[in-house]
């Protein structure tokens, strides 16, 4: 079988950042852009804990789908199986630079969040108790301060 595109990225050199993972054109001609929101360096930094990543998923998905200027373009936000980041699918032919502000606001929201985690109840979630707000906030702060607030070109283009 042919390797899928994401398995051809050199994960040994991949940095934290925002990358275009793929673009797809729907039957109606709309473009969907899948972003790789890479929060840890694969195979060099520890992956996120499952509970922190699950919490980030709930908070980011809720924030993005409630943000008036972007909510109609949000298709999906969800964790990577390797626990090194998340995928964000947006409608439109977009570049990483187009969403740095959005991601900065999203991770600032997570960093500053207090209260009940949206959707963290037995009725709303299949594993509602698998949450760690303190770790999610710490990981969001780290990504915000060390990557998003000082983005460089190498944090937006996959290594060759």
C-alpha atoms as a PDB file:
ATOM      1  CA  UNK A   1       0.000   0.000   0.000  1.00  0.00           C
ATOM      2  CA  UNK A   2       1.012   3.580  -0.624  1.00  0.00           C
ATOM      3  CA  UNK A   3       2.090   5.629   2.389  1.00  0.00           C
ATOM      4  CA  UNK A   4      -0.302   8.390   3.288  1.00  0.00           C
ATOM      5  CA  UNK A   5       1.163  11.899   3.112  1.00  0.00           C
ATOM      6  CA  UNK A   6       1.372  12.458   6.879  1.00  0.00           C
ATOM      7  CA  UNK A   7       3.616   9.377   7.208  1.00  0.00           C
ATOM      8  CA  UNK A   8       6.123  10.914   4.795  1.00  0.00           C
ATOM      9  CA  UNK A   9       6.832  13.919   7.057  1.00  0.00           C
ATOM     10  CA  UNK A  10      10.235  13.642   8.757  1.00  0.00           C
ATOM     11  CA  UNK A  11       9.069  13.419  12.362  1.00  0.00           C
ATOM     12  CA  UNK A  12      12.683  13.315  13.567  1.00  0.00           C
ATOM     13  CA  UNK A  13      13.083  16.947  12.442  1.00  0.00           C
ATOM     14  CA  UNK A  14       9.529  18.190  12.937  1.00  0.00           C
ATOM     15  CA  UNK A  15       9.221  21.162  15.290  1.00  0.00           C
ATOM     16  CA  UNK A  16       6.269  22.396  17.289  1.00  0.00           C
ATOM     17  CA  UNK A  17       4.075  24.692  15.245  1.00  0.00           C
ATOM     18  CA  UNK A  18       1.183  24.993  12.809  1.00  0.00           C
ATOM     19  CA  UNK A  19       1.446  23.101   9.522  1.00  0.00           C
ATOM     20  CA  UNK A  20      -0.845  22.418   6.584  1.00  0.00           C
ATOM     21  CA  UNK A  21      -1.262  18.659   6.683  1.00  0.00           C
ATOM     22  CA  UNK A  22      -3.492  18.474   3.621  1.00  0.00           C
ATOM     23  CA  UNK A  23      -6.019  20.247   1.448  1.00  0.00           C
ATOM     24  CA  UNK A  24      -9.096  18.558   0.064  1.00  0.00           C
ATOM     25  CA  UNK A  25     -11.611  19.818  -2.463  1.00  0.00           C
ATOM     26  CA  UNK A  26     -15.174  18.697  -1.835  1.00  0.00           C
ATOM     27  CA  UNK A  27     -17.577  17.635  -4.555  1.00  0.00           C
ATOM     28  CA  UNK A  28     -19.138  21.091  -4.370  1.00  0.00           C
ATOM     29  CA  UNK A  29     -15.734  22.691  -5.039  1.00  0.00           C
ATOM     30  CA  UNK A  30     -15.059  23.969  -1.510  1.00  0.00           C
ATOM     31  CA  UNK A  31     -11.545  23.596  -0.107  1.00  0.00           C
ATOM     32  CA  UNK A  32     -10.970  22.110   3.338  1.00  0.00           C
ATOM     33  CA  UNK A  33      -7.597  22.720   4.979  1.00  0.00           C
ATOM     34  CA  UNK A  34      -6.362  20.283   7.616  1.00  0.00           C
ATOM     35  CA  UNK A  35      -3.878  21.813  10.021  1.00  0.00           C
ATOM     36  CA  UNK A  36      -1.363  19.919  12.123  1.00  0.00           C
ATOM     37  CA  UNK A  37      -1.238  21.781  15.446  1.00  0.00           C
ATOM     38  CA  UNK A  38       1.967  20.202  16.755  1.00  0.00           C
ATOM     39  CA  UNK A  39       2.396  20.839  20.481  1.00  0.00           C
ATOM     40  CA  UNK A  40       5.421  18.632  21.188  1.00  0.00           C
ATOM     41  CA  UNK A  41       8.411  17.564  19.119  1.00  0.00           C
ATOM     42  CA  UNK A  42       7.724  13.954  18.079  1.00  0.00           C
ATOM     43  CA  UNK A  43      10.070  11.333  19.515  1.00  0.00           C
ATOM     44  CA  UNK A  44      12.157  14.022  21.266  1.00  0.00           C
ATOM     45  CA  UNK A  45       9.753  15.476  23.812  1.00  0.00           C
ATOM     46  CA  UNK A  46       7.252  13.537  25.880  1.00  0.00           C
ATOM     47  CA  UNK A  47       3.796  13.260  24.365  1.00  0.00           C
ATOM     48  CA  UNK A  48       0.905  15.014  26.061  1.00  0.00           C
ATOM     49  CA  UNK A  49      -0.899  12.980  28.675  1.00  0.00           C
ATOM     50  CA  UNK A  50      -4.125  11.504  27.414  1.00  0.00           C
ATOM     51  CA  UNK A  51      -6.137  13.300  30.080  1.00  0.00           C
ATOM     52  CA  UNK A  52      -4.593  16.699  29.254  1.00  0.00           C
ATOM     53  CA  UNK A  53      -5.091  16.153  25.520  1.00  0.00           C
ATOM     54  CA  UNK A  54      -8.724  15.146  26.109  1.00  0.00           C
ATOM     55  CA  UNK A  55      -9.269  18.314  28.135  1.00  0.00           C
ATOM     56  CA  UNK A  56      -7.633  20.441  25.423  1.00  0.00           C
ATOM     57  CA  UNK A  57      -9.933  18.773  22.901  1.00  0.00           C
ATOM     58  CA  UNK A  58     -13.068  19.716  24.861  1.00  0.00           C
ATOM     59  CA  UNK A  59     -11.947  23.283  25.522  1.00  0.00           C
ATOM     60  CA  UNK A  60     -10.576  24.063  22.051  1.00  0.00           C
ATOM     61  CA  UNK A  61     -13.516  22.514  20.206  1.00  0.00           C
ATOM     62  CA  UNK A  62     -15.973  24.445  22.376  1.00  0.00           C
ATOM     63  CA  UNK A  63     -14.069  27.716  22.005  1.00  0.00           C
ATOM     64  CA  UNK A  64     -13.647  27.427  18.235  1.00  0.00           C
ATOM     65  CA  UNK A  65     -17.275  26.488  17.617  1.00  0.00           C
ATOM     66  CA  UNK A  66     -18.450  29.460  19.665  1.00  0.00           C
ATOM     67  CA  UNK A  67     -16.190  32.084  18.155  1.00  0.00           C
ATOM     68  CA  UNK A  68     -18.420  34.245  15.944  1.00  0.00           C
ATOM     69  CA  UNK A  69     -15.811  35.011  13.275  1.00  0.00           C
ATOM     70  CA  UNK A  70     -14.667  31.392  12.778  1.00  0.00           C
ATOM     71  CA  UNK A  71     -17.416  29.029  13.960  1.00  0.00           C
ATOM     72  CA  UNK A  72     -18.967  28.603  10.510  1.00  0.00           C
ATOM     73  CA  UNK A  73     -15.595  27.495   9.114  1.00  0.00           C
ATOM     74  CA  UNK A  74     -14.730  24.952  11.830  1.00  0.00           C
ATOM     75  CA  UNK A  75     -15.220  21.390  10.619  1.00  0.00           C
ATOM     76  CA  UNK A  76     -13.222  19.445  13.217  1.00  0.00           C
ATOM     77  CA  UNK A  77     -10.806  19.728  16.140  1.00  0.00           C
ATOM     78  CA  UNK A  78      -9.381  16.535  17.582  1.00  0.00           C
ATOM     79  CA  UNK A  79      -6.300  14.877  19.047  1.00  0.00           C
ATOM     80  CA  UNK A  80      -3.595  12.986  17.200  1.00  0.00           C
ATOM     81  CA  UNK A  81      -3.255   9.357  18.187  1.00  0.00           C
ATOM     82  CA  UNK A  82       0.452   9.882  18.928  1.00  0.00           C
ATOM     83  CA  UNK A  83      -0.551  12.545  21.482  1.00  0.00           C
ATOM     84  CA  UNK A  84       1.852  15.150  20.086  1.00  0.00           C
ATOM     85  CA  UNK A  85      -0.849  17.568  18.967  1.00  0.00           C
ATOM     86  CA  UNK A  86      -4.224  18.077  17.325  1.00  0.00           C
ATOM     87  CA  UNK A  87      -5.807  18.331  13.920  1.00  0.00           C
ATOM     88  CA  UNK A  88      -7.935  21.309  12.973  1.00  0.00           C
ATOM     89  CA  UNK A  89      -9.999  21.179   9.794  1.00  0.00           C
ATOM     90  CA  UNK A  90     -11.306  24.501   8.500  1.00  0.00           C
ATOM     91  CA  UNK A  91     -13.230  25.374   5.373  1.00  0.00           C
ATOM     92  CA  UNK A  92     -11.182  27.525   3.024  1.00  0.00           C
ATOM     93  CA  UNK A  93      -7.817  27.445   1.296  1.00  0.00           C
ATOM     94  CA  UNK A  94      -5.732  28.650   4.226  1.00  0.00           C
ATOM     95  CA  UNK A  95      -2.110  28.961   5.302  1.00  0.00           C
ATOM     96  CA  UNK A  96      -0.663  28.602   8.829  1.00  0.00           C
ATOM     97  CA  UNK A  97      -0.178  32.371   8.969  1.00  0.00           C
ATOM     98  CA  UNK A  98      -3.938  32.797   8.519  1.00  0.00           C
ATOM     99  CA  UNK A  99      -4.686  31.069  11.819  1.00  0.00           C
ATOM    100  CA  UNK A 100      -1.828  32.040  14.135  1.00  0.00           C
ATOM    101  CA  UNK A 101      -4.067  34.644  15.785  1.00  0.00           C
ATOM    102  CA  UNK A 102      -6.906  32.162  16.103  1.00  0.00           C
ATOM    103  CA  UNK A 103      -4.620  29.551  17.673  1.00  0.00           C
ATOM    104  CA  UNK A 104      -3.085  32.171  19.978  1.00  0.00           C
ATOM    105  CA  UNK A 105      -6.559  33.114  21.184  1.00  0.00           C
ATOM    106  CA  UNK A 106      -7.559  29.446  21.529  1.00  0.00           C
ATOM    107  CA  UNK A 107      -4.537  28.496  23.611  1.00  0.00           C
ATOM    108  CA  UNK A 108      -4.853  31.662  25.682  1.00  0.00           C
ATOM    109  CA  UNK A 109      -8.481  30.648  26.378  1.00  0.00           C
ATOM    110  CA  UNK A 110      -7.309  27.215  27.551  1.00  0.00           C
ATOM    111  CA  UNK A 111      -4.478  28.702  29.631  1.00  0.00           C
ATOM    112  CA  UNK A 112      -6.877  31.072  31.415  1.00  0.00           C
ATOM    113  CA  UNK A 113      -9.830  28.674  31.699  1.00  0.00           C
ATOM    114  CA  UNK A 114     -11.455  27.960  35.058  1.00  0.00           C
ATOM    115  CA  UNK A 115     -14.663  26.201  35.901  1.00  0.00           C
ATOM    116  CA  UNK A 116     -16.388  23.086  34.684  1.00  0.00           C
ATOM    117  CA  UNK A 117     -14.927  21.564  31.532  1.00  0.00           C
ATOM    118  CA  UNK A 118     -17.561  21.754  28.778  1.00  0.00           C
ATOM    119  CA  UNK A 119     -19.028  18.356  27.988  1.00  0.00           C
ATOM    120  CA  UNK A 120     -17.296  16.602  30.895  1.00  0.00           C
ATOM    121  CA  UNK A 121     -20.325  14.710  32.179  1.00  0.00           C
ATOM    122  CA  UNK A 122     -21.451  11.085  31.813  1.00  0.00           C
ATOM    123  CA  UNK A 123     -24.303  12.206  29.553  1.00  0.00           C
ATOM    124  CA  UNK A 124     -22.074  14.284  27.231  1.00  0.00           C
ATOM    125  CA  UNK A 125     -18.794  12.332  26.964  1.00  0.00           C
ATOM    126  CA  UNK A 126     -17.759   8.700  26.620  1.00  0.00           C
ATOM    127  CA  UNK A 127     -14.891   9.070  29.108  1.00  0.00           C
ATOM    128  CA  UNK A 128     -15.904  12.162  31.087  1.00  0.00           C
ATOM    129  CA  UNK A 129     -13.615  11.553  34.063  1.00  0.00           C
ATOM    130  CA  UNK A 130     -10.492  11.280  31.884  1.00  0.00           C
ATOM    131  CA  UNK A 131      -9.638  14.976  32.210  1.00  0.00           C
ATOM    132  CA  UNK A 132      -6.763  16.960  33.684  1.00  0.00           C
ATOM    133  CA  UNK A 133      -7.426  20.696  33.565  1.00  0.00           C
ATOM    134  CA  UNK A 134      -4.237  21.694  35.400  1.00  0.00           C
ATOM    135  CA  UNK A 135      -2.008  19.775  32.984  1.00  0.00           C
ATOM    136  CA  UNK A 136      -4.019  20.981  29.972  1.00  0.00           C
ATOM    137  CA  UNK A 137      -3.535  24.576  31.084  1.00  0.00           C
ATOM    138  CA  UNK A 138       0.191  24.027  31.652  1.00  0.00           C
ATOM    139  CA  UNK A 139       0.655  22.419  28.213  1.00  0.00           C
ATOM    140  CA  UNK A 140      -1.408  25.159  26.542  1.00  0.00           C
ATOM    141  CA  UNK A 141       0.651  27.858  28.262  1.00  0.00           C
ATOM    142  CA  UNK A 142       3.893  26.205  27.182  1.00  0.00           C
ATOM    143  CA  UNK A 143       2.740  26.005  23.540  1.00  0.00           C
ATOM    144  CA  UNK A 144       1.424  29.568  23.639  1.00  0.00           C
ATOM    145  CA  UNK A 145       4.556  31.119  25.140  1.00  0.00           C
ATOM    146  CA  UNK A 146       7.230  28.996  23.454  1.00  0.00           C
ATOM    147  CA  UNK A 147       5.710  28.646  19.990  1.00  0.00           C
ATOM    148  CA  UNK A 148       2.641  30.724  19.130  1.00  0.00           C
ATOM    149  CA  UNK A 149       3.868  34.034  20.522  1.00  0.00           C
ATOM    150  CA  UNK A 150       7.189  33.727  18.690  1.00  0.00           C
ATOM    151  CA  UNK A 151       6.311  31.869  15.479  1.00  0.00           C
ATOM    152  CA  UNK A 152       9.049  31.469  12.918  1.00  0.00           C
ATOM    153  CA  UNK A 153       8.970  30.189   9.353  1.00  0.00           C
ATOM    154  CA  UNK A 154      10.310  26.783  10.455  1.00  0.00           C
ATOM    155  CA  UNK A 155       7.229  26.391  12.690  1.00  0.00           C
ATOM    156  CA  UNK A 156       4.950  26.556   9.643  1.00  0.00           C
ATOM    157  CA  UNK A 157       6.694  24.473   6.948  1.00  0.00           C
ATOM    158  CA  UNK A 158       7.264  20.732   7.199  1.00  0.00           C
ATOM    159  CA  UNK A 159      10.969  19.749   7.123  1.00  0.00           C
ATOM    160  CA  UNK A 160      12.180  18.396   3.801  1.00  0.00           C
END
